[in-house]
Amino acid sequence: MPLLDHPILVISVNDDTRAALLNSLMAFDVEAVQCSTFLEAETLSLAGLYCGILVDLPSIVKAKGEEKIVACSLTGFFPTLRVRLMGCMLIPMTMPGAAKQENSINDFINRACYNFTARKLRSHHRHAIGISVSTGFQDLETLAFTLDISWGGAFIVDFNPERFSIGDELTVYFREPGCQISATVCWKHSWGMRNAPGIGVRFNELSDCLSKFLLSLLKHSRDHDRDRLVA
């Protein structure tokens, strides 16, 4: 069986360099998906699970504008090995500070990617905003509030999150605009941990009422509020 359950994104704007990056992974029996731009890689990682990024360092250095923003976001989210092609050899580049990385492709795959839980990018940026809400679940209405909120969902503080299971559906009522929405529990923090107890929910649909409220609250439209590290 392959060592990794999910693919690695291989990114380079240069066709020959991208082919060399792909070739370097063949000996490790890992699946790779190639991208010629960081925006292409972002689109893929919003839709599917990935466990790392192998990227040509000059492609990062030369990226401008939105490409630069996305490059910073992707390499900050996934385990990343930045390399430079020298002749027929790939040389991992030593990175300072928070950008430190493994020293070889072998260590990158067998340690960084292997120990990383494959995941998707979050579609929308989370804003640390508290909004009064109430939740309806199993014929019980509970007063609550959000710790953060986005176009895609929210974290709702709840002092008894153990009553929820992942995949449960509930109703969230937003008191300020006076509208409600169906939501699904995606994760939870139990009481007694170092984080606030509660549930992370995904909105199942957006009504016109809630869409107008979120636009006034978040100051960005749904299509222009990606979860990126650099604004």
C-alpha atoms as a PDB file:
ATOM      1  CA  MET A   1       0.000   0.000   0.000  1.00  0.00           C
ATOM      2  CA  PRO A   2       1.154   3.590  -0.613  1.00  0.00           C
ATOM      3  CA  LEU A   3       2.694   5.318   2.380  1.00  0.00           C
ATOM      4  CA  LEU A   4       0.319   8.299   2.084  1.00  0.00           C
ATOM      5  CA  ASP A   5      -3.460   8.005   1.834  1.00  0.00           C
ATOM      6  CA  HIS A   6      -3.824  11.281  -0.063  1.00  0.00           C
ATOM      7  CA  PRO A   7      -1.835  13.079  -2.766  1.00  0.00           C
ATOM      8  CA  ILE A   8       0.837  15.757  -2.628  1.00  0.00           C
ATOM      9  CA  LEU A   9       0.434  18.958  -4.621  1.00  0.00           C
ATOM     10  CA  VAL A  10       3.376  19.617  -6.956  1.00  0.00           C
ATOM     11  CA  ILE A  11       3.644  23.278  -7.991  1.00  0.00           C
ATOM     12  CA  SER A  12       5.886  25.004 -10.521  1.00  0.00           C
ATOM     13  CA  VAL A  13       5.267  27.536 -13.259  1.00  0.00           C
ATOM     14  CA  ASN A  14       7.981  25.851 -15.359  1.00  0.00           C
ATOM     15  CA  ASP A  15       6.958  22.709 -17.257  1.00  0.00           C
ATOM     16  CA  ASP A  16      10.401  21.061 -17.093  1.00  0.00           C
ATOM     17  CA  THR A  17      10.813  21.794 -13.399  1.00  0.00           C
ATOM     18  CA  ARG A  18       7.339  20.468 -12.659  1.00  0.00           C
ATOM     19  CA  ALA A  19       8.186  17.249 -14.510  1.00  0.00           C
ATOM     20  CA  ALA A  20      11.394  16.920 -12.455  1.00  0.00           C
ATOM     21  CA  LEU A  21       9.433  17.389  -9.218  1.00  0.00           C
ATOM     22  CA  LEU A  22       6.977  14.692 -10.239  1.00  0.00           C
ATOM     23  CA  ASN A  23       9.820  12.360 -11.207  1.00  0.00           C
ATOM     24  CA  SER A  24      11.448  12.821  -7.783  1.00  0.00           C
ATOM     25  CA  LEU A  25       8.338  11.381  -6.107  1.00  0.00           C
ATOM     26  CA  MET A  26       8.113   8.232  -8.233  1.00  0.00           C
ATOM     27  CA  ALA A  27      10.521   6.276  -6.020  1.00  0.00           C
ATOM     28  CA  PHE A  28       8.306   6.864  -2.970  1.00  0.00           C
ATOM     29  CA  ASP A  29       5.080   5.439  -4.403  1.00  0.00           C
ATOM     30  CA  VAL A  30       3.044   8.539  -3.549  1.00  0.00           C
ATOM     31  CA  GLU A  31       0.271  10.105  -5.590  1.00  0.00           C
ATOM     32  CA  ALA A  32       1.014  13.594  -6.878  1.00  0.00           C
ATOM     33  CA  VAL A  33      -1.184  16.221  -8.515  1.00  0.00           C
ATOM     34  CA  GLN A  34       0.606  18.830 -10.606  1.00  0.00           C
ATOM     35  CA  CYS A  35      -0.278  22.525 -10.775  1.00  0.00           C
ATOM     36  CA  SER A  36       1.216  25.292 -12.878  1.00  0.00           C
ATOM     37  CA  THR A  37      -0.111  28.095 -10.638  1.00  0.00           C
ATOM     38  CA  PHE A  38      -0.861  28.598  -6.956  1.00  0.00           C
ATOM     39  CA  LEU A  39      -4.436  29.600  -7.776  1.00  0.00           C
ATOM     40  CA  GLU A  40      -4.903  26.227  -9.474  1.00  0.00           C
ATOM     41  CA  ALA A  41      -3.532  24.508  -6.358  1.00  0.00           C
ATOM     42  CA  GLU A  42      -5.881  26.524  -4.142  1.00  0.00           C
ATOM     43  CA  THR A  43      -8.904  25.471  -6.205  1.00  0.00           C
ATOM     44  CA  LEU A  44      -7.900  21.807  -5.918  1.00  0.00           C
ATOM     45  CA  SER A  45      -7.250  21.999  -2.166  1.00  0.00           C
ATOM     46  CA  LEU A  46     -10.651  23.605  -1.553  1.00  0.00           C
ATOM     47  CA  ALA A  47     -12.296  20.564  -3.147  1.00  0.00           C
ATOM     48  CA  GLY A  48     -10.108  17.635  -2.041  1.00  0.00           C
ATOM     49  CA  LEU A  49      -7.827  16.303   0.696  1.00  0.00           C
ATOM     50  CA  TYR A  50      -4.054  16.774   0.389  1.00  0.00           C
ATOM     51  CA  CYS A  51      -1.163  16.054   2.723  1.00  0.00           C
ATOM     52  CA  GLY A  52       1.662  18.278   1.503  1.00  0.00           C
ATOM     53  CA  ILE A  53       3.191  20.570  -1.102  1.00  0.00           C
ATOM     54  CA  LEU A  54       6.378  20.111  -3.135  1.00  0.00           C
ATOM     55  CA  VAL A  55       7.159  23.434  -4.777  1.00  0.00           C
ATOM     56  CA  ASP A  56       9.829  25.088  -6.887  1.00  0.00           C
ATOM     57  CA  LEU A  57      11.219  27.970  -4.759  1.00  0.00           C
ATOM     58  CA  PRO A  58      11.658  30.354  -7.738  1.00  0.00           C
ATOM     59  CA  SER A  59       7.918  29.994  -8.412  1.00  0.00           C
ATOM     60  CA  ILE A  60       7.245  31.375  -4.918  1.00  0.00           C
ATOM     61  CA  VAL A  61       9.819  34.167  -5.235  1.00  0.00           C
ATOM     62  CA  LYS A  62       8.458  35.323  -8.604  1.00  0.00           C
ATOM     63  CA  ALA A  63       4.774  35.138  -7.618  1.00  0.00           C
ATOM     64  CA  LYS A  64       3.006  38.497  -7.624  1.00  0.00           C
ATOM     65  CA  GLY A  65      -0.316  39.874  -6.426  1.00  0.00           C
ATOM     66  CA  GLU A  66      -2.981  37.273  -5.715  1.00  0.00           C
ATOM     67  CA  GLU A  67      -0.601  34.440  -6.637  1.00  0.00           C
ATOM     68  CA  LYS A  68       1.772  35.601  -3.856  1.00  0.00           C
ATOM     69  CA  ILE A  69      -1.064  35.731  -1.339  1.00  0.00           C
ATOM     70  CA  VAL A  70      -2.202  32.215  -2.216  1.00  0.00           C
ATOM     71  CA  ALA A  71       1.391  30.912  -2.148  1.00  0.00           C
ATOM     72  CA  CYS A  72       1.797  32.201   1.435  1.00  0.00           C
ATOM     73  CA  SER A  73      -1.543  30.701   2.459  1.00  0.00           C
ATOM     74  CA  LEU A  74      -0.901  27.254   0.987  1.00  0.00           C
ATOM     75  CA  THR A  75       2.654  26.904   2.303  1.00  0.00           C
ATOM     76  CA  GLY A  76       1.480  28.072   5.729  1.00  0.00           C
ATOM     77  CA  PHE A  77      -1.302  25.488   5.824  1.00  0.00           C
ATOM     78  CA  PHE A  78       0.269  22.309   4.388  1.00  0.00           C
ATOM     79  CA  PRO A  79       3.662  20.681   5.100  1.00  0.00           C
ATOM     80  CA  THR A  80       5.861  22.152   2.390  1.00  0.00           C
ATOM     81  CA  LEU A  81       9.217  21.314   0.831  1.00  0.00           C
ATOM     82  CA  ARG A  82      10.693  24.186  -1.176  1.00  0.00           C
ATOM     83  CA  VAL A  83      13.341  23.062  -3.653  1.00  0.00           C
ATOM     84  CA  ARG A  84      15.488  24.436  -6.455  1.00  0.00           C
ATOM     85  CA  LEU A  85      16.344  22.497  -9.606  1.00  0.00           C
ATOM     86  CA  MET A  86      20.097  22.484 -10.268  1.00  0.00           C
ATOM     87  CA  GLY A  87      20.878  20.516 -13.391  1.00  0.00           C
ATOM     88  CA  CYS A  88      19.112  17.206 -12.857  1.00  0.00           C
ATOM     89  CA  MET A  89      19.164  17.507  -9.050  1.00  0.00           C
ATOM     90  CA  LEU A  90      16.517  18.862  -6.686  1.00  0.00           C
ATOM     91  CA  ILE A  91      18.075  20.756  -3.785  1.00  0.00           C
ATOM     92  CA  PRO A  92      15.894  21.454  -0.697  1.00  0.00           C
ATOM     93  CA  MET A  93      16.386  25.094   0.274  1.00  0.00           C
ATOM     94  CA  THR A  94      17.088  25.972   3.906  1.00  0.00           C
ATOM     95  CA  MET A  95      14.281  28.187   5.192  1.00  0.00           C
ATOM     96  CA  PRO A  96      14.486  30.642   8.126  1.00  0.00           C
ATOM     97  CA  GLY A  97      12.121  31.136  11.041  1.00  0.00           C
ATOM     98  CA  ALA A  98       8.598  29.759  10.815  1.00  0.00           C
ATOM     99  CA  ALA A  99       9.282  28.497   7.284  1.00  0.00           C
ATOM    100  CA  LYS A 100      11.677  25.755   8.477  1.00  0.00           C
ATOM    101  CA  GLN A 101      11.255  22.461   6.666  1.00  0.00           C
ATOM    102  CA  GLU A 102      12.673  18.967   6.264  1.00  0.00           C
ATOM    103  CA  ASN A 103      16.129  18.577   4.719  1.00  0.00           C
ATOM    104  CA  SER A 104      15.274  15.912   2.133  1.00  0.00           C
ATOM    105  CA  ILE A 105      12.387  14.585   0.059  1.00  0.00           C
ATOM    106  CA  ASN A 106      12.566  11.337   2.045  1.00  0.00           C
ATOM    107  CA  ASP A 107      12.082  13.135   5.386  1.00  0.00           C
ATOM    108  CA  PHE A 108       9.430  15.387   3.890  1.00  0.00           C
ATOM    109  CA  ILE A 109       7.327  12.398   2.801  1.00  0.00           C
ATOM    110  CA  ASN A 110       8.055  10.003   5.665  1.00  0.00           C
ATOM    111  CA  ARG A 111       7.821  12.526   8.495  1.00  0.00           C
ATOM    112  CA  ALA A 112       6.106  15.800   7.586  1.00  0.00           C
ATOM    113  CA  CYS A 113       3.455  14.451   5.190  1.00  0.00           C
ATOM    114  CA  TYR A 114       3.006  11.094   6.944  1.00  0.00           C
ATOM    115  CA  ASN A 115       2.281  12.771  10.303  1.00  0.00           C
ATOM    116  CA  PHE A 116      -0.033  15.406   8.826  1.00  0.00           C
ATOM    117  CA  THR A 117      -3.773  14.730   8.757  1.00  0.00           C
ATOM    118  CA  ALA A 118      -4.810  15.271   5.136  1.00  0.00           C
ATOM    119  CA  ARG A 119      -7.329  18.075   4.855  1.00  0.00           C
ATOM    120  CA  LYS A 120      -9.011  20.616   2.628  1.00  0.00           C
ATOM    121  CA  LEU A 121      -8.567  24.345   2.762  1.00  0.00           C
ATOM    122  CA  ARG A 122     -11.374  26.125   4.563  1.00  0.00           C
ATOM    123  CA  SER A 123     -13.451  27.961   1.957  1.00  0.00           C
ATOM    124  CA  HIS A 124     -14.086  31.163   3.892  1.00  0.00           C
ATOM    125  CA  HIS A 125     -12.157  33.257   6.390  1.00  0.00           C
ATOM    126  CA  ARG A 126     -13.247  32.982  10.017  1.00  0.00           C
ATOM    127  CA  HIS A 127     -13.909  36.327  11.713  1.00  0.00           C
ATOM    128  CA  ALA A 128     -13.621  36.550  15.504  1.00  0.00           C
ATOM    129  CA  ILE A 129     -17.060  38.096  16.056  1.00  0.00           C
ATOM    130  CA  GLY A 130     -19.515  37.308  18.816  1.00  0.00           C
ATOM    131  CA  ILE A 131     -23.178  37.206  17.750  1.00  0.00           C
ATOM    132  CA  SER A 132     -26.118  36.275  19.981  1.00  0.00           C
ATOM    133  CA  VAL A 133     -27.822  33.126  18.686  1.00  0.00           C
ATOM    134  CA  SER A 134     -29.981  30.315  19.940  1.00  0.00           C
ATOM    135  CA  THR A 135     -29.818  26.703  18.815  1.00  0.00           C
ATOM    136  CA  GLY A 136     -32.662  24.274  18.342  1.00  0.00           C
ATOM    137  CA  PHE A 137     -31.787  20.595  18.772  1.00  0.00           C
ATOM    138  CA  GLN A 138     -33.927  17.645  19.856  1.00  0.00           C
ATOM    139  CA  ASP A 139     -36.827  19.918  20.867  1.00  0.00           C
ATOM    140  CA  LEU A 140     -34.549  21.973  23.131  1.00  0.00           C
ATOM    141  CA  GLU A 141     -33.748  25.643  22.524  1.00  0.00           C
ATOM    142  CA  THR A 142     -30.486  26.900  24.016  1.00  0.00           C
ATOM    143  CA  LEU A 143     -29.209  30.476  24.254  1.00  0.00           C
ATOM    144  CA  ALA A 144     -25.674  30.746  22.892  1.00  0.00           C
ATOM    145  CA  PHE A 145     -23.227  32.985  21.004  1.00  0.00           C
ATOM    146  CA  THR A 146     -20.640  32.655  18.272  1.00  0.00           C
ATOM    147  CA  LEU A 147     -16.918  32.767  18.969  1.00  0.00           C
ATOM    148  CA  ASP A 148     -16.227  33.218  15.276  1.00  0.00           C
ATOM    149  CA  ILE A 149     -18.278  33.264  12.107  1.00  0.00           C
ATOM    150  CA  SER A 150     -17.785  33.036   8.353  1.00  0.00           C
ATOM    151  CA  TRP A 151     -19.846  32.746   5.195  1.00  0.00           C
ATOM    152  CA  GLY A 152     -19.605  28.972   5.540  1.00  0.00           C
ATOM    153  CA  GLY A 153     -20.336  28.415   9.216  1.00  0.00           C
ATOM    154  CA  ALA A 154     -19.547  29.351  12.807  1.00  0.00           C
ATOM    155  CA  PHE A 155     -18.175  28.147  16.122  1.00  0.00           C
ATOM    156  CA  ILE A 156     -20.998  28.309  18.679  1.00  0.00           C
ATOM    157  CA  VAL A 157     -20.162  28.278  22.368  1.00  0.00           C
ATOM    158  CA  ASP A 158     -22.220  25.570  24.086  1.00  0.00           C
ATOM    159  CA  PHE A 159     -21.668  24.343  27.639  1.00  0.00           C
ATOM    160  CA  ASN A 160     -22.919  20.848  26.868  1.00  0.00           C
ATOM    161  CA  PRO A 161     -21.313  19.981  23.488  1.00  0.00           C
ATOM    162  CA  GLU A 162     -21.273  16.273  24.393  1.00  0.00           C
ATOM    163  CA  ARG A 163     -24.966  16.062  23.463  1.00  0.00           C
ATOM    164  CA  PHE A 164     -24.002  16.573  19.816  1.00  0.00           C
ATOM    165  CA  SER A 165     -22.479  14.060  17.412  1.00  0.00           C
ATOM    166  CA  ILE A 166     -20.597  14.879  14.247  1.00  0.00           C
ATOM    167  CA  GLY A 167     -23.138  15.070  11.432  1.00  0.00           C
ATOM    168  CA  ASP A 168     -26.078  16.135  13.621  1.00  0.00           C
ATOM    169  CA  GLU A 169     -28.333  18.797  12.133  1.00  0.00           C
ATOM    170  CA  LEU A 170     -29.663  21.685  14.195  1.00  0.00           C
ATOM    171  CA  THR A 171     -31.350  25.047  13.734  1.00  0.00           C
ATOM    172  CA  VAL A 172     -29.428  28.249  14.461  1.00  0.00           C
ATOM    173  CA  TYR A 173     -31.508  31.366  15.110  1.00  0.00           C
ATOM    174  CA  PHE A 174     -29.764  34.723  14.671  1.00  0.00           C
ATOM    175  CA  ARG A 175     -31.444  37.136  17.008  1.00  0.00           C
ATOM    176  CA  GLU A 176     -30.231  40.425  15.467  1.00  0.00           C
ATOM    177  CA  PRO A 177     -31.550  40.001  11.904  1.00  0.00           C
ATOM    178  CA  GLY A 178     -34.301  37.679  13.132  1.00  0.00           C
ATOM    179  CA  CYS A 179     -33.714  34.733  10.840  1.00  0.00           C
ATOM    180  CA  GLN A 180     -32.780  31.094  11.221  1.00  0.00           C
ATOM    181  CA  ILE A 181     -30.724  28.565   9.288  1.00  0.00           C
ATOM    182  CA  SER A 182     -30.195  24.814   9.185  1.00  0.00           C
ATOM    183  CA  ALA A 183     -26.627  23.776  10.102  1.00  0.00           C
ATOM    184  CA  THR A 184     -24.585  20.582  10.457  1.00  0.00           C
ATOM    185  CA  VAL A 185     -22.122  19.809  13.282  1.00  0.00           C
ATOM    186  CA  CYS A 186     -18.628  19.324  11.827  1.00  0.00           C
ATOM    187  CA  TRP A 187     -16.546  19.217  15.025  1.00  0.00           C
ATOM    188  CA  LYS A 188     -16.785  20.004  18.728  1.00  0.00           C
ATOM    189  CA  HIS A 189     -14.704  21.051  21.742  1.00  0.00           C
ATOM    190  CA  SER A 190     -15.624  19.279  24.966  1.00  0.00           C
ATOM    191  CA  TRP A 191     -16.025  21.002  28.310  1.00  0.00           C
ATOM    192  CA  GLY A 192     -12.894  21.113  30.492  1.00  0.00           C
ATOM    193  CA  MET A 193     -10.343  21.546  27.726  1.00  0.00           C
ATOM    194  CA  ARG A 194      -8.251  24.673  27.218  1.00  0.00           C
ATOM    195  CA  ASN A 195     -10.540  25.884  24.440  1.00  0.00           C
ATOM    196  CA  ALA A 196     -14.041  27.245  24.833  1.00  0.00           C
ATOM    197  CA  PRO A 197     -16.594  24.398  24.745  1.00  0.00           C
ATOM    198  CA  GLY A 198     -18.901  24.298  21.783  1.00  0.00           C
ATOM    199  CA  ILE A 199     -19.540  23.113  18.257  1.00  0.00           C
ATOM    200  CA  GLY A 200     -18.237  24.028  14.826  1.00  0.00           C
ATOM    201  CA  VAL A 201     -21.132  24.079  12.373  1.00  0.00           C
ATOM    202  CA  ARG A 202     -21.468  24.343   8.602  1.00  0.00           C
ATOM    203  CA  PHE A 203     -24.393  26.349   7.261  1.00  0.00           C
ATOM    204  CA  ASN A 204     -26.550  24.169   4.997  1.00  0.00           C
ATOM    205  CA  GLU A 205     -27.998  27.114   3.071  1.00  0.00           C
ATOM    206  CA  LEU A 206     -28.038  30.906   3.231  1.00  0.00           C
ATOM    207  CA  SER A 207     -31.301  32.818   3.162  1.00  0.00           C
ATOM    208  CA  ASP A 208     -31.475  36.323   1.690  1.00  0.00           C
ATOM    209  CA  CYS A 209     -31.937  37.681   5.212  1.00  0.00           C
ATOM    210  CA  LEU A 210     -28.787  36.035   6.572  1.00  0.00           C
ATOM    211  CA  SER A 211     -26.761  36.820   3.439  1.00  0.00           C
ATOM    212  CA  LYS A 212     -27.489  40.541   3.811  1.00  0.00           C
ATOM    213  CA  PHE A 213     -26.634  40.371   7.511  1.00  0.00           C
ATOM    214  CA  LEU A 214     -23.317  38.566   6.917  1.00  0.00           C
ATOM    215  CA  LEU A 215     -22.346  41.028   4.183  1.00  0.00           C
ATOM    216  CA  SER A 216     -22.867  43.975   6.538  1.00  0.00           C
ATOM    217  CA  LEU A 217     -21.103  42.128   9.373  1.00  0.00           C
ATOM    218  CA  LEU A 218     -18.071  40.667   7.567  1.00  0.00           C
ATOM    219  CA  LYS A 219     -17.528  43.551   5.099  1.00  0.00           C
ATOM    220  CA  HIS A 220     -16.607  41.137   2.297  1.00  0.00           C
ATOM    221  CA  SER A 221     -18.816  39.361  -0.210  1.00  0.00           C
ATOM    222  CA  ARG A 222     -18.990  35.578  -0.125  1.00  0.00           C
ATOM    223  CA  ASP A 223     -16.871  35.191  -3.272  1.00  0.00           C
ATOM    224  CA  HIS A 224     -14.139  37.525  -1.984  1.00  0.00           C
ATOM    225  CA  ASP A 225     -13.635  36.258   1.567  1.00  0.00           C
ATOM    226  CA  ARG A 226     -11.335  33.268   1.032  1.00  0.00           C
ATOM    227  CA  ASP A 227      -9.462  31.845   4.005  1.00  0.00           C
ATOM    228  CA  ARG A 228      -6.049  33.315   3.213  1.00  0.00           C
ATOM    229  CA  LEU A 229      -3.186  34.242   5.533  1.00  0.00           C
ATOM    230  CA  VAL A 230      -2.521  37.619   3.932  1.00  0.00           C
ATOM    231  CA  ALA A 231      -5.331  40.122   3.367  1.00  0.00           C
END
